[in-house]
Amino acid sequence: MRHWDFLIEGRMLDVKAAQDNRKGFLTAIHRHFGQNLKVGIGYNFTDFNDDLTDLNYDAKGWFLNIVGKI
């Protein structure tokens, strides 16, 4: 279990100019490979993402996450 991370993230988007408010969450699981790399897969249950300029609200779905450090 020490090589695995599990993530649950609550999210909220509040766009006052558009009078729009959205809430949801995402979840992911990551596997560590050594001390400098982890690879994960997750699912975004919200319809928005981290790109706040993208307001077409079609971001729901699976994602792959690769994190490395030097």
PDB file of N, CA and C in Angstrom:
ATOM      1  N   MET A   1       0.816  -1.204   0.000  1.00  0.00           N
ATOM      2  CA  MET A   1       0.000   0.000   0.000  1.00  0.00           C
ATOM      3  C   MET A   1       0.854   1.259   0.000  1.00  0.00           C
ATOM      4  N   ARG A   2       2.118   1.158   0.415  1.00  0.00           N
ATOM      5  CA  ARG A   2       2.920   2.382   0.498  1.00  0.00           C
ATOM      6  C   ARG A   2       3.284   2.950  -0.864  1.00  0.00           C
ATOM      7  N   HIS A   3       3.072   2.204  -1.935  1.00  0.00           N
ATOM      8  CA  HIS A   3       3.376   2.691  -3.277  1.00  0.00           C
ATOM      9  C   HIS A   3       2.164   3.289  -3.980  1.00  0.00           C
ATOM     10  N   TRP A   4       1.056   3.393  -3.291  1.00  0.00           N
ATOM     11  CA  TRP A   4      -0.187   3.865  -3.887  1.00  0.00           C
ATOM     12  C   TRP A   4      -0.708   5.101  -3.169  1.00  0.00           C
ATOM     13  N   ASP A   5      -1.298   6.018  -3.929  1.00  0.00           N
ATOM     14  CA  ASP A   5      -2.010   7.189  -3.396  1.00  0.00           C
ATOM     15  C   ASP A   5      -3.420   7.170  -3.955  1.00  0.00           C
ATOM     16  N   PHE A   6      -4.390   7.554  -3.132  1.00  0.00           N
ATOM     17  CA  PHE A   6      -5.772   7.685  -3.563  1.00  0.00           C
ATOM     18  C   PHE A   6      -6.216   9.104  -3.271  1.00  0.00           C
ATOM     19  N   LEU A   7      -6.903   9.736  -4.225  1.00  0.00           N
ATOM     20  CA  LEU A   7      -7.276  11.144  -4.123  1.00  0.00           C
ATOM     21  C   LEU A   7      -8.770  11.308  -4.365  1.00  0.00           C
ATOM     22  N   ILE A   8      -9.396  12.082  -3.498  1.00  0.00           N
ATOM     23  CA  ILE A   8     -10.753  12.581  -3.737  1.00  0.00           C
ATOM     24  C   ILE A   8     -10.673  14.092  -3.579  1.00  0.00           C
ATOM     25  N   GLU A   9     -11.107  14.826  -4.602  1.00  0.00           N
ATOM     26  CA  GLU A   9     -10.976  16.282  -4.605  1.00  0.00           C
ATOM     27  C   GLU A   9     -12.334  16.922  -4.848  1.00  0.00           C
ATOM     28  N   GLY A  10     -12.762  17.773  -3.936  1.00  0.00           N
ATOM     29  CA  GLY A  10     -13.981  18.553  -4.131  1.00  0.00           C
ATOM     30  C   GLY A  10     -13.662  19.783  -4.955  1.00  0.00           C
ATOM     31  N   ARG A  11     -14.588  20.156  -5.847  1.00  0.00           N
ATOM     32  CA  ARG A  11     -14.351  21.295  -6.728  1.00  0.00           C
ATOM     33  C   ARG A  11     -15.580  22.198  -6.764  1.00  0.00           C
ATOM     34  N   MET A  12     -15.310  23.506  -6.932  1.00  0.00           N
ATOM     35  CA  MET A  12     -16.392  24.474  -7.088  1.00  0.00           C
ATOM     36  C   MET A  12     -15.958  25.547  -8.065  1.00  0.00           C
ATOM     37  N   LEU A  13     -16.819  25.899  -9.000  1.00  0.00           N
ATOM     38  CA  LEU A  13     -16.568  26.965  -9.962  1.00  0.00           C
ATOM     39  C   LEU A  13     -17.670  27.995  -9.800  1.00  0.00           C
ATOM     40  N   ASP A  14     -17.286  29.243  -9.540  1.00  0.00           N
ATOM     41  CA  ASP A  14     -18.243  30.337  -9.369  1.00  0.00           C
ATOM     42  C   ASP A  14     -17.848  31.452 -10.326  1.00  0.00           C
ATOM     43  N   VAL A  15     -18.633  31.642 -11.395  1.00  0.00           N
ATOM     44  CA  VAL A  15     -18.371  32.680 -12.393  1.00  0.00           C
ATOM     45  C   VAL A  15     -19.438  33.747 -12.225  1.00  0.00           C
ATOM     46  N   LYS A  16     -19.084  34.806 -11.519  1.00  0.00           N
ATOM     47  CA  LYS A  16     -20.064  35.853 -11.212  1.00  0.00           C
ATOM     48  C   LYS A  16     -20.552  36.577 -12.461  1.00  0.00           C
ATOM     49  N   ALA A  17     -19.662  36.833 -13.430  1.00  0.00           N
ATOM     50  CA  ALA A  17     -20.049  37.548 -14.651  1.00  0.00           C
ATOM     51  C   ALA A  17     -21.106  36.768 -15.438  1.00  0.00           C
ATOM     52  N   ALA A  18     -21.027  35.456 -15.420  1.00  0.00           N
ATOM     53  CA  ALA A  18     -21.992  34.612 -16.134  1.00  0.00           C
ATOM     54  C   ALA A  18     -23.120  34.144 -15.220  1.00  0.00           C
ATOM     55  N   GLN A  19     -23.083  34.532 -13.959  1.00  0.00           N
ATOM     56  CA  GLN A  19     -24.048  34.084 -12.956  1.00  0.00           C
ATOM     57  C   GLN A  19     -24.175  32.556 -12.984  1.00  0.00           C
ATOM     58  N   ASP A  20     -23.010  31.898 -12.920  1.00  0.00           N
ATOM     59  CA  ASP A  20     -22.943  30.449 -13.014  1.00  0.00           C
ATOM     60  C   ASP A  20     -22.181  29.900 -11.815  1.00  0.00           C
ATOM     61  N   ASN A  21     -22.699  28.824 -11.225  1.00  0.00           N
ATOM     62  CA  ASN A  21     -22.062  28.183 -10.079  1.00  0.00           C
ATOM     63  C   ASN A  21     -22.179  26.677 -10.269  1.00  0.00           C
ATOM     64  N   ARG A  22     -21.025  25.993 -10.241  1.00  0.00           N
ATOM     65  CA  ARG A  22     -21.015  24.541 -10.433  1.00  0.00           C
ATOM     66  C   ARG A  22     -20.181  23.891  -9.353  1.00  0.00           C
ATOM     67  N   LYS A  23     -20.572  22.688  -8.946  1.00  0.00           N
ATOM     68  CA  LYS A  23     -19.866  21.939  -7.913  1.00  0.00           C
ATOM     69  C   LYS A  23     -19.724  20.486  -8.356  1.00  0.00           C
ATOM     70  N   GLY A  24     -18.743  19.812  -7.769  1.00  0.00           N
ATOM     71  CA  GLY A  24     -18.557  18.405  -8.067  1.00  0.00           C
ATOM     72  C   GLY A  24     -17.281  17.889  -7.436  1.00  0.00           C
ATOM     73  N   PHE A  25     -16.805  16.752  -7.930  1.00  0.00           N
ATOM     74  CA  PHE A  25     -15.576  16.182  -7.392  1.00  0.00           C
ATOM     75  C   PHE A  25     -14.893  15.323  -8.445  1.00  0.00           C
ATOM     76  N   LEU A  26     -13.638  15.007  -8.174  1.00  0.00           N
ATOM     77  CA  LEU A  26     -12.906  14.056  -8.997  1.00  0.00           C
ATOM     78  C   LEU A  26     -12.192  13.088  -8.083  1.00  0.00           C
ATOM     79  N   THR A  27     -11.811  11.971  -8.627  1.00  0.00           N
ATOM     80  CA  THR A  27     -11.103  10.957  -7.862  1.00  0.00           C
ATOM     81  C   THR A  27      -9.995  10.371  -8.732  1.00  0.00           C
ATOM     82  N   ALA A  28      -8.916   9.939  -8.090  1.00  0.00           N
ATOM     83  CA  ALA A  28      -7.785   9.372  -8.834  1.00  0.00           C
ATOM     84  C   ALA A  28      -7.018   8.398  -7.955  1.00  0.00           C
ATOM     85  N   ILE A  29      -6.293   7.506  -8.604  1.00  0.00           N
ATOM     86  CA  ILE A  29      -5.395   6.601  -7.918  1.00  0.00           C
ATOM     87  C   ILE A  29      -4.045   6.667  -8.640  1.00  0.00           C
ATOM     88  N   HIS A  30      -2.961   6.771  -7.862  1.00  0.00           N
ATOM     89  CA  HIS A  30      -1.612   6.899  -8.409  1.00  0.00           C
ATOM     90  C   HIS A  30      -0.725   5.778  -7.880  1.00  0.00           C
ATOM     91  N   ARG A  31       0.182   5.332  -8.727  1.00  0.00           N
ATOM     92  CA  ARG A  31       1.180   4.323  -8.350  1.00  0.00           C
ATOM     93  C   ARG A  31       2.554   4.965  -8.430  1.00  0.00           C
ATOM     94  N   HIS A  32       3.326   4.857  -7.358  1.00  0.00           N
ATOM     95  CA  HIS A  32       4.687   5.387  -7.309  1.00  0.00           C
ATOM     96  C   HIS A  32       5.652   4.400  -7.955  1.00  0.00           C
ATOM     97  N   PHE A  33       6.548   4.929  -8.794  1.00  0.00           N
ATOM     98  CA  PHE A  33       7.619   4.155  -9.416  1.00  0.00           C
ATOM     99  C   PHE A  33       8.929   4.793  -8.983  1.00  0.00           C
ATOM    100  N   GLY A  34       9.559   4.238  -7.972  1.00  0.00           N
ATOM    101  CA  GLY A  34      10.763   4.850  -7.412  1.00  0.00           C
ATOM    102  C   GLY A  34      10.407   6.079  -6.598  1.00  0.00           C
ATOM    103  N   GLN A  35      11.399   6.962  -6.421  1.00  0.00           N
ATOM    104  CA  GLN A  35      11.184   8.170  -5.625  1.00  0.00           C
ATOM    105  C   GLN A  35      10.805   9.379  -6.474  1.00  0.00           C
ATOM    106  N   ASN A  36      10.914   9.270  -7.810  1.00  0.00           N
ATOM    107  CA  ASN A  36      10.766  10.460  -8.647  1.00  0.00           C
ATOM    108  C   ASN A  36       9.637  10.419  -9.669  1.00  0.00           C
ATOM    109  N   LEU A  37       8.819   9.390  -9.655  1.00  0.00           N
ATOM    110  CA  LEU A  37       7.770   9.285 -10.660  1.00  0.00           C
ATOM    111  C   LEU A  37       6.535   8.621 -10.074  1.00  0.00           C
ATOM    112  N   LYS A  38       5.376   9.183 -10.422  1.00  0.00           N
ATOM    113  CA  LYS A  38       4.118   8.507 -10.127  1.00  0.00           C
ATOM    114  C   LYS A  38       3.175   8.693 -11.305  1.00  0.00           C
ATOM    115  N   VAL A  39       2.410   7.664 -11.577  1.00  0.00           N
ATOM    116  CA  VAL A  39       1.480   7.645 -12.700  1.00  0.00           C
ATOM    117  C   VAL A  39       0.108   7.300 -12.143  1.00  0.00           C
ATOM    118  N   GLY A  40      -0.898   8.040 -12.597  1.00  0.00           N
ATOM    119  CA  GLY A  40      -2.235   7.802 -12.080  1.00  0.00           C
ATOM    120  C   GLY A  40      -3.305   7.915 -13.134  1.00  0.00           C
ATOM    121  N   ILE A  41      -4.452   7.400 -12.784  1.00  0.00           N
ATOM    122  CA  ILE A  41      -5.647   7.507 -13.616  1.00  0.00           C
ATOM    123  C   ILE A  41      -6.780   7.952 -12.718  1.00  0.00           C
ATOM    124  N   GLY A  42      -7.681   8.736 -13.281  1.00  0.00           N
ATOM    125  CA  GLY A  42      -8.786   9.230 -12.477  1.00  0.00           C
ATOM    126  C   GLY A  42      -9.997   9.545 -13.316  1.00  0.00           C
ATOM    127  N   TYR A  43     -11.042   9.979 -12.635  1.00  0.00           N
ATOM    128  CA  TYR A  43     -12.280  10.348 -13.302  1.00  0.00           C
ATOM    129  C   TYR A  43     -12.759  11.678 -12.742  1.00  0.00           C
ATOM    130  N   ASN A  44     -13.072  12.614 -13.644  1.00  0.00           N
ATOM    131  CA  ASN A  44     -13.602  13.927 -13.283  1.00  0.00           C
ATOM    132  C   ASN A  44     -15.122  13.863 -13.361  1.00  0.00           C
ATOM    133  N   PHE A  45     -15.794  13.951 -12.217  1.00  0.00           N
ATOM    134  CA  PHE A  45     -17.252  13.893 -12.180  1.00  0.00           C
ATOM    135  C   PHE A  45     -17.892  15.255 -12.418  1.00  0.00           C
ATOM    136  N   THR A  46     -17.082  16.313 -12.489  1.00  0.00           N
ATOM    137  CA  THR A  46     -17.594  17.641 -12.813  1.00  0.00           C
ATOM    138  C   THR A  46     -17.543  17.838 -14.317  1.00  0.00           C
ATOM    139  N   ASP A  47     -18.205  18.879 -14.807  1.00  0.00           N
ATOM    140  CA  ASP A  47     -18.147  19.153 -16.242  1.00  0.00           C
ATOM    141  C   ASP A  47     -17.225  20.324 -16.565  1.00  0.00           C
ATOM    142  N   PHE A  48     -16.413  20.761 -15.584  1.00  0.00           N
ATOM    143  CA  PHE A  48     -15.430  21.815 -15.825  1.00  0.00           C
ATOM    144  C   PHE A  48     -14.063  21.312 -15.397  1.00  0.00           C
ATOM    145  N   ASN A  49     -13.004  22.025 -15.845  1.00  0.00           N
ATOM    146  CA  ASN A  49     -11.645  21.616 -15.507  1.00  0.00           C
ATOM    147  C   ASN A  49     -10.838  22.792 -14.982  1.00  0.00           C
ATOM    148  N   ASP A  50      -9.525  22.634 -14.860  1.00  0.00           N
ATOM    149  CA  ASP A  50      -8.663  23.679 -14.309  1.00  0.00           C
ATOM    150  C   ASP A  50      -8.446  24.848 -15.256  1.00  0.00           C
ATOM    151  N   ASP A  51      -8.738  24.688 -16.543  1.00  0.00           N
ATOM    152  CA  ASP A  51      -8.595  25.769 -17.514  1.00  0.00           C
ATOM    153  C   ASP A  51      -9.818  26.668 -17.415  1.00  0.00           C
ATOM    154  N   LEU A  52      -9.720  27.733 -16.643  1.00  0.00           N
ATOM    155  CA  LEU A  52     -10.876  28.583 -16.367  1.00  0.00           C
ATOM    156  C   LEU A  52     -11.289  29.435 -17.558  1.00  0.00           C
ATOM    157  N   THR A  53     -10.511  29.433 -18.644  1.00  0.00           N
ATOM    158  CA  THR A  53     -10.912  30.135 -19.866  1.00  0.00           C
ATOM    159  C   THR A  53     -11.769  29.241 -20.760  1.00  0.00           C
ATOM    160  N   ASP A  54     -11.854  27.959 -20.451  1.00  0.00           N
ATOM    161  CA  ASP A  54     -12.628  26.995 -21.232  1.00  0.00           C
ATOM    162  C   ASP A  54     -13.986  26.813 -20.562  1.00  0.00           C
ATOM    163  N   LEU A  55     -14.998  27.525 -21.062  1.00  0.00           N
ATOM    164  CA  LEU A  55     -16.318  27.500 -20.431  1.00  0.00           C
ATOM    165  C   LEU A  55     -17.342  26.696 -21.233  1.00  0.00           C
ATOM    166  N   ASN A  56     -16.884  25.690 -21.989  1.00  0.00           N
ATOM    167  CA  ASN A  56     -17.848  24.888 -22.736  1.00  0.00           C
ATOM    168  C   ASN A  56     -18.371  23.700 -21.927  1.00  0.00           C
ATOM    169  N   TYR A  57     -17.829  23.482 -20.739  1.00  0.00           N
ATOM    170  CA  TYR A  57     -18.333  22.502 -19.778  1.00  0.00           C
ATOM    171  C   TYR A  57     -18.481  21.096 -20.354  1.00  0.00           C
ATOM    172  N   ASP A  58     -17.398  20.602 -20.941  1.00  0.00           N
ATOM    173  CA  ASP A  58     -17.407  19.235 -21.471  1.00  0.00           C
ATOM    174  C   ASP A  58     -16.217  18.428 -20.939  1.00  0.00           C
ATOM    175  N   ALA A  59     -15.768  18.727 -19.733  1.00  0.00           N
ATOM    176  CA  ALA A  59     -14.546  18.117 -19.191  1.00  0.00           C
ATOM    177  C   ALA A  59     -14.791  16.821 -18.425  1.00  0.00           C
ATOM    178  N   LYS A  60     -16.024  16.390 -18.289  1.00  0.00           N
ATOM    179  CA  LYS A  60     -16.313  15.168 -17.535  1.00  0.00           C
ATOM    180  C   LYS A  60     -15.662  13.976 -18.205  1.00  0.00           C
ATOM    181  N   GLY A  61     -15.038  13.106 -17.401  1.00  0.00           N
ATOM    182  CA  GLY A  61     -14.484  11.894 -17.967  1.00  0.00           C
ATOM    183  C   GLY A  61     -13.155  11.490 -17.362  1.00  0.00           C
ATOM    184  N   TRP A  62     -12.523  10.518 -18.006  1.00  0.00           N
ATOM    185  CA  TRP A  62     -11.274   9.926 -17.542  1.00  0.00           C
ATOM    186  C   TRP A  62     -10.087  10.827 -17.847  1.00  0.00           C
ATOM    187  N   PHE A  63      -9.031  10.741 -17.027  1.00  0.00           N
ATOM    188  CA  PHE A  63      -7.789  11.447 -17.286  1.00  0.00           C
ATOM    189  C   PHE A  63      -6.606  10.607 -16.806  1.00  0.00           C
ATOM    190  N   LEU A  64      -5.455  10.872 -17.409  1.00  0.00           N
ATOM    191  CA  LEU A  64      -4.195  10.249 -17.051  1.00  0.00           C
ATOM    192  C   LEU A  64      -3.295  11.334 -16.484  1.00  0.00           C
ATOM    193  N   ASN A  65      -2.626  11.041 -15.384  1.00  0.00           N
ATOM    194  CA  ASN A  65      -1.771  12.027 -14.719  1.00  0.00           C
ATOM    195  C   ASN A  65      -0.402  11.410 -14.501  1.00  0.00           C
ATOM    196  N   ILE A  66       0.654  12.093 -14.973  1.00  0.00           N
ATOM    197  CA  ILE A  66       2.035  11.644 -14.778  1.00  0.00           C
ATOM    198  C   ILE A  66       2.788  12.759 -14.053  1.00  0.00           C
ATOM    199  N   VAL A  67       3.369  12.441 -12.910  1.00  0.00           N
ATOM    200  CA  VAL A  67       4.079  13.427 -12.097  1.00  0.00           C
ATOM    201  C   VAL A  67       5.504  12.950 -11.889  1.00  0.00           C
ATOM    202  N   GLY A  68       6.470  13.816 -12.219  1.00  0.00           N
ATOM    203  CA  GLY A  68       7.869  13.508 -12.007  1.00  0.00           C
ATOM    204  C   GLY A  68       8.548  14.625 -11.247  1.00  0.00           C
ATOM    205  N   LYS A  69       9.612  14.317 -10.556  1.00  0.00           N
ATOM    206  CA  LYS A  69      10.368  15.346  -9.856  1.00  0.00           C
ATOM    207  C   LYS A  69      11.856  15.085 -10.015  1.00  0.00           C
ATOM    208  N   ILE A  70      12.597  16.156  -9.969  1.00  0.00           N
ATOM    209  CA  ILE A  70      14.056  16.082 -10.149  1.00  0.00           C
ATOM    210  C   ILE A  70      14.729  16.068  -8.805  1.00  0.00           C
TER     211      ILE A  70
END
